[in-house]
Amino acid sequence: MEHNAGNVVRDLRRKLGMTQEDFARAIAMTVWTVNRWENAHAEPSKLAWKAIQHLARARGFAQHSTAEPEAAPLAWRPPEIDTPFGCSTEARRGE
């Protein structure tokens, strides 16, 4: 299976035992949005990845990292995010 964002979202949702509706509600998105991700018509934004990551951690799926060797790794790694909204703090310091 190809490792694209849609497959990652679908695999995680299934591992969590959630429907698209349950998953969408848990991450404050619409079912339509989750469906578009899973069918490779769109990809989650950085903010959406943050919500997905939060849900995964809350449900006991730790993100794979060297800082947490005892954690069970997931097959995905969301993009690195500097701030809650994915904005660099460096740009704000120069204002």
N, C-alpha and C. Protein backbone atom coordinates (compact mmCIF):
# COMPACT_ATOMS: atom_id res chain seq x y z
N MET A 1 0.84 -1.18 0.00
CA MET A 1 0.00 0.00 0.00
C MET A 1 0.89 1.24 0.00
N GLU A 2 0.50 2.21 -0.79
CA GLU A 2 1.22 3.47 -0.89
C GLU A 2 1.06 4.27 0.41
N HIS A 3 2.16 4.91 0.84
CA HIS A 3 2.12 5.71 2.06
C HIS A 3 1.84 7.16 1.71
N ASN A 4 0.57 7.50 1.56
CA ASN A 4 0.19 8.89 1.36
C ASN A 4 -0.64 9.32 2.55
N ALA A 5 -0.94 10.60 2.64
CA ALA A 5 -1.67 11.14 3.78
C ALA A 5 -3.01 10.45 3.97
N GLY A 6 -3.70 10.18 2.88
CA GLY A 6 -5.00 9.52 2.97
C GLY A 6 -4.93 8.15 3.60
N ASN A 7 -3.94 7.37 3.19
CA ASN A 7 -3.77 6.04 3.77
C ASN A 7 -3.38 6.12 5.24
N VAL A 8 -2.58 7.10 5.58
CA VAL A 8 -2.16 7.29 6.97
C VAL A 8 -3.38 7.60 7.84
N VAL A 9 -4.20 8.53 7.37
CA VAL A 9 -5.41 8.91 8.12
C VAL A 9 -6.34 7.71 8.24
N ARG A 10 -6.58 7.01 7.15
CA ARG A 10 -7.48 5.84 7.17
C ARG A 10 -6.95 4.77 8.12
N ASP A 11 -5.66 4.46 8.03
CA ASP A 11 -5.08 3.43 8.90
C ASP A 11 -5.21 3.80 10.37
N LEU A 12 -4.91 5.05 10.70
CA LEU A 12 -5.03 5.48 12.09
C LEU A 12 -6.48 5.41 12.55
N ARG A 13 -7.39 5.92 11.74
CA ARG A 13 -8.81 5.91 12.09
C ARG A 13 -9.29 4.48 12.35
N ARG A 14 -8.89 3.56 11.50
CA ARG A 14 -9.29 2.16 11.68
C ARG A 14 -8.66 1.55 12.92
N LYS A 15 -7.40 1.87 13.18
CA LYS A 15 -6.74 1.36 14.40
C LYS A 15 -7.45 1.88 15.65
N LEU A 16 -7.98 3.09 15.56
CA LEU A 16 -8.71 3.67 16.68
C LEU A 16 -10.13 3.13 16.78
N GLY A 17 -10.57 2.37 15.78
CA GLY A 17 -11.91 1.79 15.77
C GLY A 17 -13.00 2.84 15.60
N MET A 18 -12.70 3.86 14.80
CA MET A 18 -13.63 4.97 14.63
C MET A 18 -14.19 5.01 13.21
N THR A 19 -15.43 5.49 13.10
CA THR A 19 -15.99 5.77 11.79
C THR A 19 -15.43 7.11 11.32
N GLN A 20 -15.64 7.43 10.05
CA GLN A 20 -15.21 8.75 9.57
C GLN A 20 -15.91 9.85 10.35
N GLU A 21 -17.17 9.64 10.67
CA GLU A 21 -17.93 10.64 11.43
C GLU A 21 -17.34 10.83 12.84
N ASP A 22 -17.04 9.73 13.52
CA ASP A 22 -16.45 9.82 14.86
C ASP A 22 -15.09 10.51 14.81
N PHE A 23 -14.29 10.11 13.83
CA PHE A 23 -12.95 10.68 13.69
C PHE A 23 -13.03 12.18 13.40
N ALA A 24 -13.90 12.55 12.47
CA ALA A 24 -14.07 13.96 12.12
C ALA A 24 -14.49 14.78 13.33
N ARG A 25 -15.45 14.29 14.08
CA ARG A 25 -15.92 14.99 15.27
C ARG A 25 -14.79 15.14 16.29
N ALA A 26 -13.99 14.10 16.47
CA ALA A 26 -12.91 14.12 17.46
C ALA A 26 -11.81 15.13 17.13
N ILE A 27 -11.63 15.44 15.84
CA ILE A 27 -10.59 16.39 15.45
C ILE A 27 -11.17 17.71 14.95
N ALA A 28 -12.48 17.91 15.19
CA ALA A 28 -13.17 19.15 14.82
C ALA A 28 -13.11 19.45 13.32
N MET A 29 -13.34 18.42 12.53
CA MET A 29 -13.40 18.55 11.08
C MET A 29 -14.74 18.00 10.61
N THR A 30 -15.01 18.13 9.33
CA THR A 30 -16.23 17.56 8.78
C THR A 30 -15.95 16.17 8.23
N VAL A 31 -17.00 15.37 8.12
CA VAL A 31 -16.88 14.04 7.53
C VAL A 31 -16.40 14.18 6.09
N TRP A 32 -16.91 15.17 5.38
CA TRP A 32 -16.52 15.44 4.01
C TRP A 32 -15.00 15.64 3.91
N THR A 33 -14.44 16.39 4.85
CA THR A 33 -12.98 16.65 4.83
C THR A 33 -12.20 15.35 5.05
N VAL A 34 -12.59 14.58 6.04
CA VAL A 34 -11.90 13.30 6.31
C VAL A 34 -12.02 12.38 5.11
N ASN A 35 -13.18 12.34 4.50
CA ASN A 35 -13.37 11.52 3.32
C ASN A 35 -12.46 11.97 2.18
N ARG A 36 -12.33 13.26 1.97
CA ARG A 36 -11.44 13.78 0.92
C ARG A 36 -9.99 13.42 1.20
N TRP A 37 -9.57 13.47 2.46
CA TRP A 37 -8.21 13.06 2.81
C TRP A 37 -8.00 11.59 2.47
N GLU A 38 -8.92 10.75 2.91
CA GLU A 38 -8.77 9.31 2.73
C GLU A 38 -8.81 8.89 1.27
N ASN A 39 -9.47 9.66 0.43
CA ASN A 39 -9.54 9.35 -0.99
C ASN A 39 -8.53 10.15 -1.82
N ALA A 40 -7.57 10.75 -1.16
CA ALA A 40 -6.45 11.48 -1.79
C ALA A 40 -6.90 12.65 -2.67
N HIS A 41 -8.01 13.28 -2.29
CA HIS A 41 -8.46 14.47 -3.00
C HIS A 41 -7.94 15.74 -2.32
N ALA A 42 -7.44 15.60 -1.11
CA ALA A 42 -6.89 16.72 -0.34
C ALA A 42 -5.97 16.13 0.73
N GLU A 43 -5.15 16.99 1.34
CA GLU A 43 -4.27 16.55 2.42
C GLU A 43 -4.51 17.41 3.64
N PRO A 44 -4.33 16.84 4.84
CA PRO A 44 -4.52 17.62 6.05
C PRO A 44 -3.53 18.78 6.14
N SER A 45 -4.01 19.90 6.67
CA SER A 45 -3.15 21.06 6.91
C SER A 45 -2.26 20.76 8.13
N LYS A 46 -1.33 21.64 8.41
CA LYS A 46 -0.50 21.47 9.60
C LYS A 46 -1.34 21.47 10.87
N LEU A 47 -2.34 22.34 10.90
CA LEU A 47 -3.22 22.40 12.06
C LEU A 47 -4.02 21.11 12.20
N ALA A 48 -4.48 20.56 11.08
CA ALA A 48 -5.21 19.29 11.11
C ALA A 48 -4.31 18.15 11.58
N TRP A 49 -3.05 18.13 11.11
CA TRP A 49 -2.10 17.10 11.56
C TRP A 49 -1.90 17.20 13.06
N LYS A 50 -1.86 18.42 13.57
CA LYS A 50 -1.69 18.63 15.02
C LYS A 50 -2.87 18.01 15.76
N ALA A 51 -4.10 18.22 15.27
CA ALA A 51 -5.29 17.65 15.90
C ALA A 51 -5.27 16.12 15.81
N ILE A 52 -4.83 15.59 14.66
CA ILE A 52 -4.74 14.14 14.48
C ILE A 52 -3.72 13.56 15.45
N GLN A 53 -2.59 14.22 15.56
CA GLN A 53 -1.55 13.78 16.48
C GLN A 53 -2.05 13.81 17.93
N HIS A 54 -2.75 14.86 18.30
CA HIS A 54 -3.30 14.97 19.65
C HIS A 54 -4.28 13.83 19.93
N LEU A 55 -5.16 13.54 18.98
CA LEU A 55 -6.12 12.44 19.12
C LEU A 55 -5.39 11.10 19.28
N ALA A 56 -4.39 10.88 18.45
CA ALA A 56 -3.65 9.62 18.52
C ALA A 56 -3.00 9.45 19.89
N ARG A 57 -2.39 10.50 20.39
CA ARG A 57 -1.76 10.43 21.72
C ARG A 57 -2.79 10.22 22.81
N ALA A 58 -3.92 10.92 22.71
CA ALA A 58 -4.98 10.80 23.71
C ALA A 58 -5.55 9.38 23.76
N ARG A 59 -5.51 8.69 22.62
CA ARG A 59 -6.04 7.32 22.53
C ARG A 59 -4.96 6.27 22.73
N GLY A 60 -3.76 6.69 23.14
CA GLY A 60 -2.71 5.72 23.46
C GLY A 60 -1.76 5.37 22.35
N PHE A 61 -1.81 6.09 21.23
CA PHE A 61 -0.86 5.88 20.15
C PHE A 61 0.18 6.97 20.21
N ALA A 62 1.36 6.66 20.71
CA ALA A 62 2.42 7.65 20.81
C ALA A 62 3.13 7.78 19.48
N GLN A 63 3.52 9.02 19.15
CA GLN A 63 4.30 9.26 17.93
C GLN A 63 5.68 8.66 18.13
N HIS A 64 6.19 8.00 17.12
CA HIS A 64 7.52 7.40 17.20
C HIS A 64 8.58 8.49 17.29
N SER A 65 9.41 8.39 18.29
CA SER A 65 10.55 9.31 18.39
C SER A 65 11.61 8.65 19.25
N THR A 66 12.84 9.13 19.14
CA THR A 66 13.92 8.56 19.94
C THR A 66 13.78 8.95 21.39
N ALA A 67 13.03 10.02 21.69
CA ALA A 67 12.83 10.45 23.06
C ALA A 67 11.88 9.51 23.81
N GLU A 68 11.09 8.74 23.08
CA GLU A 68 10.13 7.82 23.68
C GLU A 68 10.35 6.40 23.15
N PRO A 69 11.49 5.76 23.50
CA PRO A 69 11.78 4.46 22.92
C PRO A 69 10.78 3.38 23.31
N GLU A 70 10.12 3.52 24.47
CA GLU A 70 9.18 2.51 24.89
C GLU A 70 7.82 2.64 24.21
N ALA A 71 7.59 3.75 23.53
CA ALA A 71 6.31 3.98 22.87
C ALA A 71 6.19 3.14 21.60
N ALA A 72 5.00 2.68 21.34
CA ALA A 72 4.76 1.93 20.11
C ALA A 72 4.72 2.90 18.93
N PRO A 73 5.57 2.71 17.94
CA PRO A 73 5.60 3.65 16.82
C PRO A 73 4.39 3.51 15.90
N LEU A 74 3.97 4.63 15.35
CA LEU A 74 2.94 4.62 14.32
C LEU A 74 3.63 4.59 12.97
N ALA A 75 2.88 4.28 11.95
CA ALA A 75 3.44 4.21 10.61
C ALA A 75 3.50 5.60 9.97
N TRP A 76 3.21 6.63 10.72
CA TRP A 76 3.20 7.98 10.17
C TRP A 76 3.86 8.94 11.13
N ARG A 77 4.26 10.03 10.60
CA ARG A 77 4.87 11.08 11.40
C ARG A 77 4.36 12.40 10.85
N PRO A 78 3.52 13.11 11.62
CA PRO A 78 2.99 14.38 11.13
C PRO A 78 4.09 15.41 10.98
N PRO A 79 3.86 16.44 10.19
CA PRO A 79 4.88 17.47 10.01
C PRO A 79 5.24 18.15 11.32
N GLU A 80 6.47 18.60 11.43
CA GLU A 80 6.91 19.32 12.61
C GLU A 80 6.21 20.67 12.66
N ILE A 81 5.74 21.05 13.82
CA ILE A 81 5.02 22.30 13.98
C ILE A 81 5.67 23.10 15.11
N ASP A 82 6.04 24.35 14.81
CA ASP A 82 6.71 25.20 15.79
C ASP A 82 5.75 25.79 16.82
N THR A 83 4.57 26.16 16.39
CA THR A 83 3.58 26.79 17.27
C THR A 83 2.24 26.12 17.04
N PRO A 84 1.24 26.41 17.88
CA PRO A 84 -0.05 25.77 17.69
C PRO A 84 -0.68 26.00 16.32
N PHE A 85 -0.31 27.08 15.65
CA PHE A 85 -0.91 27.36 14.35
C PHE A 85 0.07 27.15 13.21
N GLY A 86 1.20 26.53 13.48
CA GLY A 86 2.16 26.21 12.44
C GLY A 86 2.92 27.41 11.93
N CYS A 87 2.88 28.52 12.67
CA CYS A 87 3.58 29.74 12.26
C CYS A 87 4.92 29.81 12.95
N SER A 88 5.90 30.28 12.27
CA SER A 88 7.21 30.44 12.85
C SER A 88 7.23 31.64 13.78
N THR A 89 7.82 31.48 14.96
CA THR A 89 7.91 32.60 15.89
C THR A 89 8.99 33.58 15.45
N GLU A 90 9.90 33.15 14.60
CA GLU A 90 10.97 34.02 14.11
C GLU A 90 10.40 35.20 13.33
N ALA A 91 9.37 34.98 12.52
CA ALA A 91 8.79 36.04 11.72
C ALA A 91 8.15 37.11 12.60
N ARG A 92 7.61 36.71 13.72
CA ARG A 92 6.94 37.67 14.61
C ARG A 92 7.95 38.52 15.37
N ARG A 93 9.10 38.02 15.67
CA ARG A 93 10.11 38.79 16.40
C ARG A 93 10.60 39.98 15.60
N GLY A 94 10.61 39.86 14.27
CA GLY A 94 11.09 40.93 13.42
C GLY A 94 10.08 42.03 13.19
N GLU A 95 8.85 41.85 13.63
CA GLU A 95 7.81 42.85 13.38
C GLU A 95 7.97 44.05 14.26
